[in-house]
Amino acid sequence: MDLQYLTGQRIDDVLKLRRKDITEQGILLKPVKTSNSTGVRMLLKWSPQLRAAVERAKSLNPNFTTLTLLHGRTGKAPDCRTVALQWTTAAKAAGIEDVRPNDSRAKALTDTKKQGNNATALAGHATEAMTERYIRQHDTPEVFGPSFRHSLDVRQKG
């Protein structure tokens, strides 16, 4: 889940992260869902948190060297159904209701936007409108209404 949040990618894309895409500069990402539409490929630069999450993932099953970063005891990458089941079990144990694994992606994109970074680029979306579907906390505009004083001044001058 840390990797999903820190990369802002879909669960399936995180599960399929390949070791060869982990570079000195960061993680090379090519989201599967958008590869036929936007053809996006990006380099997600390292942050201390992202680097630590990748190192934790590497240490989960140190006896296997596989093509993918994440893998189970059999050496194969877990599938989305397994992750969803684990997520549901953990959420129930924590007493949290109405939460899904992809909420981490929405949180990542929301936080990315709030921090002034490009959430649309991180998501690999072709349009900001698509990214806005994921944003959970929209900014509340702060506005001023008209002033009676200004209206009176204009009438007196006219």
N, C-alpha and C. Protein backbone atom coordinates (compact mmCIF):
# COMPACT_ATOMS: atom_id res chain seq x y z
N MET A 1 0.83 -1.19 0.00
CA MET A 1 0.00 0.00 0.00
C MET A 1 0.88 1.26 0.00
N ASP A 2 2.01 1.17 0.69
CA ASP A 2 2.93 2.32 0.66
C ASP A 2 3.38 2.62 -0.76
N LEU A 3 3.70 1.57 -1.50
CA LEU A 3 4.14 1.77 -2.88
C LEU A 3 3.04 2.36 -3.75
N GLN A 4 1.81 1.92 -3.52
CA GLN A 4 0.71 2.49 -4.31
C GLN A 4 0.55 3.97 -4.01
N TYR A 5 0.56 4.31 -2.73
CA TYR A 5 0.42 5.72 -2.36
C TYR A 5 1.58 6.56 -2.91
N LEU A 6 2.80 6.09 -2.70
CA LEU A 6 3.97 6.89 -3.07
C LEU A 6 4.19 6.99 -4.58
N THR A 7 3.65 6.03 -5.34
CA THR A 7 3.77 6.10 -6.80
C THR A 7 2.52 6.69 -7.44
N GLY A 8 1.39 6.66 -6.74
CA GLY A 8 0.14 7.16 -7.29
C GLY A 8 -0.42 6.28 -8.39
N GLN A 9 0.03 5.03 -8.47
CA GLN A 9 -0.38 4.14 -9.55
C GLN A 9 -1.50 3.20 -9.12
N ARG A 10 -2.11 2.56 -10.11
CA ARG A 10 -3.14 1.56 -9.85
C ARG A 10 -2.49 0.34 -9.21
N ILE A 11 -3.29 -0.41 -8.45
CA ILE A 11 -2.80 -1.61 -7.77
C ILE A 11 -2.12 -2.54 -8.77
N ASP A 12 -2.75 -2.78 -9.90
CA ASP A 12 -2.21 -3.71 -10.88
C ASP A 12 -0.83 -3.27 -11.36
N ASP A 13 -0.65 -1.97 -11.57
CA ASP A 13 0.65 -1.46 -12.02
C ASP A 13 1.72 -1.60 -10.94
N VAL A 14 1.33 -1.43 -9.69
CA VAL A 14 2.29 -1.58 -8.59
C VAL A 14 2.70 -3.05 -8.46
N LEU A 15 1.73 -3.95 -8.59
CA LEU A 15 2.03 -5.38 -8.47
C LEU A 15 2.95 -5.85 -9.59
N LYS A 16 2.91 -5.18 -10.71
CA LYS A 16 3.72 -5.59 -11.87
C LYS A 16 5.02 -4.80 -12.01
N LEU A 17 5.38 -3.99 -10.99
CA LEU A 17 6.64 -3.25 -11.06
C LEU A 17 7.79 -4.23 -11.27
N ARG A 18 8.60 -3.98 -12.26
CA ARG A 18 9.72 -4.87 -12.56
C ARG A 18 11.00 -4.32 -11.92
N ARG A 19 11.82 -5.21 -11.49
CA ARG A 19 13.09 -4.82 -10.87
C ARG A 19 13.94 -4.00 -11.82
N LYS A 20 13.89 -4.30 -13.12
CA LYS A 20 14.71 -3.56 -14.08
C LYS A 20 14.25 -2.11 -14.24
N ASP A 21 13.03 -1.80 -13.79
CA ASP A 21 12.52 -0.43 -13.87
C ASP A 21 12.92 0.42 -12.66
N ILE A 22 13.61 -0.18 -11.72
CA ILE A 22 14.12 0.54 -10.56
C ILE A 22 15.54 0.98 -10.90
N THR A 23 15.70 2.29 -11.09
CA THR A 23 16.97 2.82 -11.57
C THR A 23 17.62 3.72 -10.53
N GLU A 24 18.80 4.20 -10.84
CA GLU A 24 19.49 5.15 -9.95
C GLU A 24 18.68 6.43 -9.76
N GLN A 25 17.97 6.86 -10.81
CA GLN A 25 17.23 8.13 -10.77
C GLN A 25 15.85 7.99 -10.13
N GLY A 26 15.28 6.79 -10.18
CA GLY A 26 13.93 6.57 -9.65
C GLY A 26 13.31 5.34 -10.28
N ILE A 27 11.99 5.32 -10.37
CA ILE A 27 11.27 4.18 -10.93
C ILE A 27 10.68 4.58 -12.28
N LEU A 28 10.97 3.80 -13.30
CA LEU A 28 10.37 4.01 -14.62
C LEU A 28 8.99 3.38 -14.61
N LEU A 29 7.99 4.17 -14.93
CA LEU A 29 6.61 3.69 -14.90
C LEU A 29 5.98 3.82 -16.29
N LYS A 30 5.24 2.81 -16.67
CA LYS A 30 4.42 2.87 -17.87
C LYS A 30 3.11 2.19 -17.50
N PRO A 31 2.15 2.97 -17.00
CA PRO A 31 0.89 2.39 -16.55
C PRO A 31 0.22 1.59 -17.67
N VAL A 32 -0.20 0.37 -17.35
CA VAL A 32 -0.78 -0.54 -18.34
C VAL A 32 -2.07 0.03 -18.92
N LYS A 33 -2.93 0.56 -18.08
CA LYS A 33 -4.24 1.02 -18.55
C LYS A 33 -4.11 2.17 -19.54
N THR A 34 -3.10 3.01 -19.39
CA THR A 34 -2.96 4.16 -20.27
C THR A 34 -1.98 3.93 -21.42
N SER A 35 -1.33 2.77 -21.45
CA SER A 35 -0.31 2.56 -22.47
C SER A 35 -0.89 2.59 -23.88
N ASN A 36 -2.14 2.19 -24.04
CA ASN A 36 -2.76 2.23 -25.37
C ASN A 36 -3.43 3.57 -25.65
N SER A 37 -3.66 4.38 -24.63
CA SER A 37 -4.32 5.65 -24.86
C SER A 37 -3.32 6.81 -24.88
N THR A 38 -2.68 7.07 -23.76
CA THR A 38 -1.74 8.20 -23.73
C THR A 38 -0.31 7.76 -24.05
N GLY A 39 -0.03 6.49 -23.89
CA GLY A 39 1.33 6.00 -24.13
C GLY A 39 2.34 6.57 -23.15
N VAL A 40 1.85 7.02 -22.01
CA VAL A 40 2.70 7.70 -21.04
C VAL A 40 3.78 6.77 -20.51
N ARG A 41 4.94 7.31 -20.36
CA ARG A 41 6.04 6.66 -19.67
C ARG A 41 6.68 7.75 -18.84
N MET A 42 6.94 7.47 -17.59
CA MET A 42 7.47 8.52 -16.73
C MET A 42 8.54 7.97 -15.81
N LEU A 43 9.33 8.87 -15.31
CA LEU A 43 10.32 8.54 -14.29
C LEU A 43 9.84 9.18 -13.00
N LEU A 44 9.54 8.36 -12.03
CA LEU A 44 9.16 8.86 -10.71
C LEU A 44 10.44 8.97 -9.90
N LYS A 45 10.85 10.18 -9.63
CA LYS A 45 12.12 10.42 -8.94
C LYS A 45 12.04 9.95 -7.49
N TRP A 46 13.19 9.59 -6.98
CA TRP A 46 13.28 9.09 -5.62
C TRP A 46 12.95 10.16 -4.59
N SER A 47 12.21 9.76 -3.60
CA SER A 47 12.08 10.51 -2.35
C SER A 47 12.59 9.54 -1.28
N PRO A 48 12.95 10.04 -0.12
CA PRO A 48 13.39 9.10 0.93
C PRO A 48 12.33 8.04 1.26
N GLN A 49 11.04 8.45 1.26
CA GLN A 49 9.97 7.52 1.59
C GLN A 49 9.82 6.45 0.50
N LEU A 50 9.91 6.86 -0.78
CA LEU A 50 9.78 5.91 -1.88
C LEU A 50 10.93 4.90 -1.86
N ARG A 51 12.13 5.39 -1.66
CA ARG A 51 13.30 4.51 -1.61
C ARG A 51 13.16 3.50 -0.46
N ALA A 52 12.69 3.96 0.69
CA ALA A 52 12.51 3.07 1.85
C ALA A 52 11.43 2.02 1.56
N ALA A 53 10.35 2.41 0.90
CA ALA A 53 9.28 1.47 0.57
C ALA A 53 9.78 0.40 -0.39
N VAL A 54 10.58 0.78 -1.37
CA VAL A 54 11.14 -0.19 -2.32
C VAL A 54 12.08 -1.14 -1.58
N GLU A 55 12.89 -0.62 -0.68
CA GLU A 55 13.81 -1.48 0.07
C GLU A 55 13.03 -2.46 0.95
N ARG A 56 11.93 -1.99 1.56
CA ARG A 56 11.10 -2.91 2.36
C ARG A 56 10.51 -4.01 1.48
N ALA A 57 10.06 -3.63 0.28
CA ALA A 57 9.49 -4.61 -0.64
C ALA A 57 10.53 -5.63 -1.05
N LYS A 58 11.74 -5.18 -1.30
CA LYS A 58 12.83 -6.11 -1.69
C LYS A 58 13.13 -7.10 -0.58
N SER A 59 12.95 -6.68 0.67
CA SER A 59 13.31 -7.54 1.80
C SER A 59 12.21 -8.52 2.21
N LEU A 60 11.04 -8.45 1.59
CA LEU A 60 9.94 -9.31 2.00
C LEU A 60 10.23 -10.79 1.80
N ASN A 61 10.76 -11.15 0.65
CA ASN A 61 11.12 -12.54 0.36
C ASN A 61 12.53 -12.56 -0.21
N PRO A 62 13.53 -12.41 0.64
CA PRO A 62 14.90 -12.25 0.15
C PRO A 62 15.48 -13.50 -0.53
N ASN A 63 14.84 -14.65 -0.37
CA ASN A 63 15.36 -15.88 -0.96
C ASN A 63 15.03 -16.02 -2.45
N PHE A 64 14.17 -15.13 -2.96
CA PHE A 64 13.79 -15.17 -4.36
C PHE A 64 14.36 -13.96 -5.09
N THR A 65 14.84 -14.19 -6.28
CA THR A 65 15.16 -13.10 -7.18
C THR A 65 14.22 -13.27 -8.36
N THR A 66 13.30 -12.34 -8.51
CA THR A 66 12.28 -12.45 -9.55
C THR A 66 12.33 -11.23 -10.45
N LEU A 67 11.57 -11.30 -11.54
CA LEU A 67 11.49 -10.15 -12.45
C LEU A 67 10.72 -8.99 -11.83
N THR A 68 9.73 -9.31 -11.00
CA THR A 68 8.91 -8.27 -10.39
C THR A 68 9.41 -7.94 -8.99
N LEU A 69 9.13 -6.72 -8.56
CA LEU A 69 9.54 -6.29 -7.23
C LEU A 69 8.77 -7.04 -6.15
N LEU A 70 7.48 -7.17 -6.34
CA LEU A 70 6.63 -7.83 -5.35
C LEU A 70 6.33 -9.26 -5.79
N HIS A 71 6.43 -10.18 -4.85
CA HIS A 71 6.14 -11.58 -5.15
C HIS A 71 5.84 -12.32 -3.85
N GLY A 72 5.09 -13.39 -4.00
CA GLY A 72 4.75 -14.21 -2.85
C GLY A 72 5.77 -15.31 -2.65
N ARG A 73 5.40 -16.27 -1.82
CA ARG A 73 6.31 -17.39 -1.51
C ARG A 73 6.61 -18.25 -2.73
N THR A 74 5.71 -18.23 -3.72
CA THR A 74 5.91 -19.04 -4.92
C THR A 74 6.81 -18.33 -5.93
N GLY A 75 7.12 -17.07 -5.69
CA GLY A 75 7.95 -16.31 -6.61
C GLY A 75 7.14 -15.53 -7.64
N LYS A 76 5.82 -15.72 -7.63
CA LYS A 76 4.96 -15.00 -8.57
C LYS A 76 4.40 -13.74 -7.90
N ALA A 77 4.14 -12.73 -8.74
CA ALA A 77 3.53 -11.49 -8.23
C ALA A 77 2.12 -11.79 -7.73
N PRO A 78 1.71 -11.16 -6.63
CA PRO A 78 0.33 -11.36 -6.16
C PRO A 78 -0.65 -10.75 -7.16
N ASP A 79 -1.88 -11.24 -7.14
CA ASP A 79 -2.87 -10.66 -8.04
C ASP A 79 -3.76 -9.68 -7.27
N CYS A 80 -4.55 -8.93 -8.03
CA CYS A 80 -5.40 -7.89 -7.43
C CYS A 80 -6.41 -8.46 -6.44
N ARG A 81 -6.93 -9.63 -6.73
CA ARG A 81 -7.92 -10.24 -5.83
C ARG A 81 -7.30 -10.57 -4.48
N THR A 82 -6.09 -11.08 -4.48
CA THR A 82 -5.40 -11.40 -3.23
C THR A 82 -5.16 -10.13 -2.42
N VAL A 83 -4.72 -9.08 -3.09
CA VAL A 83 -4.48 -7.81 -2.40
C VAL A 83 -5.78 -7.25 -1.84
N ALA A 84 -6.87 -7.33 -2.62
CA ALA A 84 -8.16 -6.83 -2.15
C ALA A 84 -8.62 -7.60 -0.92
N LEU A 85 -8.43 -8.90 -0.91
CA LEU A 85 -8.80 -9.72 0.25
C LEU A 85 -7.97 -9.34 1.47
N GLN A 86 -6.66 -9.18 1.28
CA GLN A 86 -5.79 -8.78 2.39
C GLN A 86 -6.17 -7.39 2.91
N TRP A 87 -6.49 -6.49 2.00
CA TRP A 87 -6.90 -5.13 2.36
C TRP A 87 -8.17 -5.17 3.20
N THR A 88 -9.17 -5.93 2.74
CA THR A 88 -10.44 -6.03 3.46
C THR A 88 -10.25 -6.62 4.85
N THR A 89 -9.43 -7.64 4.94
CA THR A 89 -9.14 -8.27 6.23
C THR A 89 -8.47 -7.27 7.18
N ALA A 90 -7.49 -6.54 6.68
CA ALA A 90 -6.77 -5.56 7.51
C ALA A 90 -7.70 -4.42 7.93
N ALA A 91 -8.55 -3.96 7.01
CA ALA A 91 -9.49 -2.87 7.33
C ALA A 91 -10.47 -3.30 8.41
N LYS A 92 -11.00 -4.50 8.30
CA LYS A 92 -11.93 -5.00 9.32
C LYS A 92 -11.23 -5.12 10.67
N ALA A 93 -10.01 -5.64 10.67
CA ALA A 93 -9.25 -5.79 11.93
C ALA A 93 -9.00 -4.43 12.57
N ALA A 94 -8.85 -3.39 11.74
CA ALA A 94 -8.60 -2.04 12.25
C ALA A 94 -9.90 -1.30 12.58
N GLY A 95 -11.04 -1.93 12.25
CA GLY A 95 -12.33 -1.29 12.52
C GLY A 95 -12.66 -0.18 11.54
N ILE A 96 -12.10 -0.24 10.34
CA ILE A 96 -12.35 0.78 9.31
C ILE A 96 -13.33 0.21 8.30
N GLU A 97 -14.38 0.99 8.03
CA GLU A 97 -15.38 0.55 7.07
C GLU A 97 -15.32 1.40 5.81
N ASP A 98 -15.91 0.88 4.76
CA ASP A 98 -16.08 1.61 3.50
C ASP A 98 -14.76 2.14 2.95
N VAL A 99 -13.79 1.26 2.82
CA VAL A 99 -12.49 1.63 2.28
C VAL A 99 -12.07 0.56 1.28
N ARG A 100 -11.47 1.00 0.18
CA ARG A 100 -11.02 0.07 -0.87
C ARG A 100 -9.55 0.30 -1.15
N PRO A 101 -8.88 -0.69 -1.73
CA PRO A 101 -7.44 -0.52 -2.02
C PRO A 101 -7.14 0.70 -2.90
N ASN A 102 -7.99 1.00 -3.87
CA ASN A 102 -7.70 2.14 -4.75
C ASN A 102 -7.91 3.50 -4.10
N ASP A 103 -8.40 3.52 -2.86
CA ASP A 103 -8.48 4.79 -2.14
C ASP A 103 -7.09 5.37 -1.92
N SER A 104 -6.07 4.52 -1.88
CA SER A 104 -4.69 5.00 -1.73
C SER A 104 -4.27 5.83 -2.94
N ARG A 105 -4.71 5.40 -4.12
CA ARG A 105 -4.40 6.16 -5.34
C ARG A 105 -5.09 7.52 -5.31
N ALA A 106 -6.34 7.53 -4.92
CA ALA A 106 -7.06 8.81 -4.82
C ALA A 106 -6.39 9.73 -3.80
N LYS A 107 -5.98 9.17 -2.69
CA LYS A 107 -5.28 9.96 -1.66
C LYS A 107 -3.96 10.50 -2.20
N ALA A 108 -3.23 9.66 -2.93
CA ALA A 108 -1.95 10.09 -3.49
C ALA A 108 -2.15 11.25 -4.47
N LEU A 109 -3.14 11.14 -5.34
CA LEU A 109 -3.37 12.20 -6.32
C LEU A 109 -3.87 13.48 -5.64
N THR A 110 -4.72 13.30 -4.63
CA THR A 110 -5.22 14.46 -3.87
C THR A 110 -4.06 15.17 -3.18
N ASP A 111 -3.21 14.42 -2.50
CA ASP A 111 -2.08 15.01 -1.78
C ASP A 111 -1.07 15.64 -2.75
N THR A 112 -0.85 14.99 -3.90
CA THR A 112 0.07 15.54 -4.90
C THR A 112 -0.40 16.90 -5.36
N LYS A 113 -1.70 17.01 -5.63
CA LYS A 113 -2.26 18.30 -6.08
C LYS A 113 -2.13 19.35 -4.98
N LYS A 114 -2.47 18.97 -3.74
CA LYS A 114 -2.40 19.92 -2.62
C LYS A 114 -0.98 20.41 -2.37
N GLN A 115 0.01 19.56 -2.68
CA GLN A 115 1.41 19.93 -2.48
C GLN A 115 1.96 20.73 -3.66
N GLY A 116 1.10 21.05 -4.62
CA GLY A 116 1.49 21.89 -5.74
C GLY A 116 2.20 21.15 -6.87
N ASN A 117 2.12 19.82 -6.86
CA ASN A 117 2.74 19.02 -7.91
C ASN A 117 1.69 18.58 -8.93
N ASN A 118 2.12 18.03 -10.04
CA ASN A 118 1.25 17.70 -11.15
C ASN A 118 0.63 16.31 -10.97
N ALA A 119 -0.58 16.28 -10.41
CA ALA A 119 -1.29 15.02 -10.17
C ALA A 119 -1.67 14.33 -11.47
N THR A 120 -1.98 15.10 -12.51
CA THR A 120 -2.36 14.52 -13.80
C THR A 120 -1.19 13.76 -14.41
N ALA A 121 0.00 14.33 -14.34
CA ALA A 121 1.19 13.65 -14.87
C ALA A 121 1.49 12.39 -14.05
N LEU A 122 1.38 12.47 -12.73
CA LEU A 122 1.63 11.31 -11.89
C LEU A 122 0.65 10.18 -12.21
N ALA A 123 -0.60 10.53 -12.44
CA ALA A 123 -1.62 9.52 -12.73
C ALA A 123 -1.47 8.94 -14.13
N GLY A 124 -0.80 9.69 -15.02
CA GLY A 124 -0.69 9.24 -16.39
C GLY A 124 -1.95 9.51 -17.19
N HIS A 125 -2.77 10.44 -16.70
CA HIS A 125 -4.01 10.77 -17.39
C HIS A 125 -3.77 11.74 -18.54
N ALA A 126 -4.61 11.65 -19.55
CA ALA A 126 -4.51 12.54 -20.70
C ALA A 126 -5.09 13.92 -20.39
N THR A 127 -6.02 13.98 -19.43
CA THR A 127 -6.68 15.26 -19.12
C THR A 127 -6.76 15.48 -17.62
N GLU A 128 -6.83 16.75 -17.24
CA GLU A 128 -7.04 17.08 -15.82
C GLU A 128 -8.41 16.65 -15.36
N ALA A 129 -9.38 16.67 -16.28
CA ALA A 129 -10.74 16.27 -15.92
C ALA A 129 -10.78 14.84 -15.40
N MET A 130 -9.99 13.97 -16.01
CA MET A 130 -9.93 12.58 -15.54
C MET A 130 -9.32 12.52 -14.14
N THR A 131 -8.27 13.28 -13.91
CA THR A 131 -7.63 13.29 -12.59
C THR A 131 -8.59 13.83 -11.54
N GLU A 132 -9.38 14.82 -11.89
CA GLU A 132 -10.32 15.42 -10.93
C GLU A 132 -11.32 14.40 -10.39
N ARG A 133 -11.56 13.33 -11.13
CA ARG A 133 -12.45 12.28 -10.63
C ARG A 133 -11.87 11.59 -9.40
N TYR A 134 -10.55 11.61 -9.28
CA TYR A 134 -9.87 10.96 -8.16
C TYR A 134 -9.69 11.89 -6.97
N ILE A 135 -9.68 13.18 -7.21
CA ILE A 135 -9.40 14.14 -6.14
C ILE A 135 -10.54 14.11 -5.13
N ARG A 136 -10.20 13.90 -3.88
CA ARG A 136 -11.21 13.73 -2.83
C ARG A 136 -11.54 15.02 -2.07
N GLN A 137 -10.56 15.84 -1.87
CA GLN A 137 -10.80 17.06 -1.10
C GLN A 137 -10.58 18.25 -2.02
N HIS A 138 -11.68 18.79 -2.47
CA HIS A 138 -11.57 19.94 -3.35
C HIS A 138 -11.40 21.20 -2.51
N ASP A 139 -10.63 22.12 -3.03
CA ASP A 139 -10.41 23.37 -2.32
C ASP A 139 -11.70 24.16 -2.26
N THR A 140 -11.93 24.78 -1.12
CA THR A 140 -13.08 25.65 -0.96
C THR A 140 -12.64 27.06 -1.34
N PRO A 141 -13.28 27.63 -2.38
CA PRO A 141 -12.87 28.98 -2.77
C PRO A 141 -13.19 29.99 -1.66
N GLU A 142 -12.30 30.93 -1.48
CA GLU A 142 -12.54 32.02 -0.53
C GLU A 142 -12.84 33.26 -1.36
N VAL A 143 -14.01 33.83 -1.14
CA VAL A 143 -14.45 34.96 -1.95
C VAL A 143 -15.00 36.07 -1.05
N PHE A 144 -15.06 37.26 -1.60
CA PHE A 144 -15.70 38.39 -0.94
C PHE A 144 -16.94 38.76 -1.72
N GLY A 145 -17.98 39.09 -1.02
CA GLY A 145 -19.19 39.59 -1.67
C GLY A 145 -19.06 41.09 -1.88
N PRO A 146 -20.06 41.71 -2.49
CA PRO A 146 -20.00 43.15 -2.72
C PRO A 146 -20.12 43.92 -1.41
N SER A 147 -19.70 45.15 -1.45
CA SER A 147 -19.77 46.01 -0.27
C SER A 147 -20.86 47.05 -0.49
N PHE A 148 -21.70 47.27 0.52
CA PHE A 148 -22.71 48.33 0.42
C PHE A 148 -22.03 49.68 0.28
N ARG A 149 -20.93 49.84 0.96
CA ARG A 149 -20.22 51.11 0.94
C ARG A 149 -19.82 51.47 -0.49
N HIS A 150 -19.28 50.49 -1.23
CA HIS A 150 -18.85 50.73 -2.61
C HIS A 150 -20.06 51.08 -3.48
N SER A 151 -21.19 50.40 -3.27
CA SER A 151 -22.39 50.67 -4.06
C SER A 151 -22.90 52.08 -3.80
N LEU A 152 -22.86 52.50 -2.53
CA LEU A 152 -23.32 53.84 -2.20
C LEU A 152 -22.41 54.90 -2.81
N ASP A 153 -21.09 54.66 -2.78
CA ASP A 153 -20.14 55.61 -3.36
C ASP A 153 -20.37 55.77 -4.85
N VAL A 154 -20.66 54.68 -5.53
CA VAL A 154 -20.88 54.74 -7.00
C VAL A 154 -22.16 55.52 -7.29
N ARG A 155 -23.25 55.32 -6.52
CA ARG A 155 -24.50 56.04 -6.76
C ARG A 155 -24.35 57.53 -6.49
N GLN A 156 -23.57 57.86 -5.47
CA GLN A 156 -23.41 59.26 -5.14
C GLN A 156 -22.59 59.98 -6.23
N LYS A 157 -21.64 59.28 -6.85
CA LYS A 157 -20.82 59.89 -7.89
C LYS A 157 -21.62 60.03 -9.19
N GLY A 158 -22.55 59.09 -9.42
CA GLY A 158 -23.30 59.07 -10.68
C GLY A 158 -24.40 60.04 -10.68
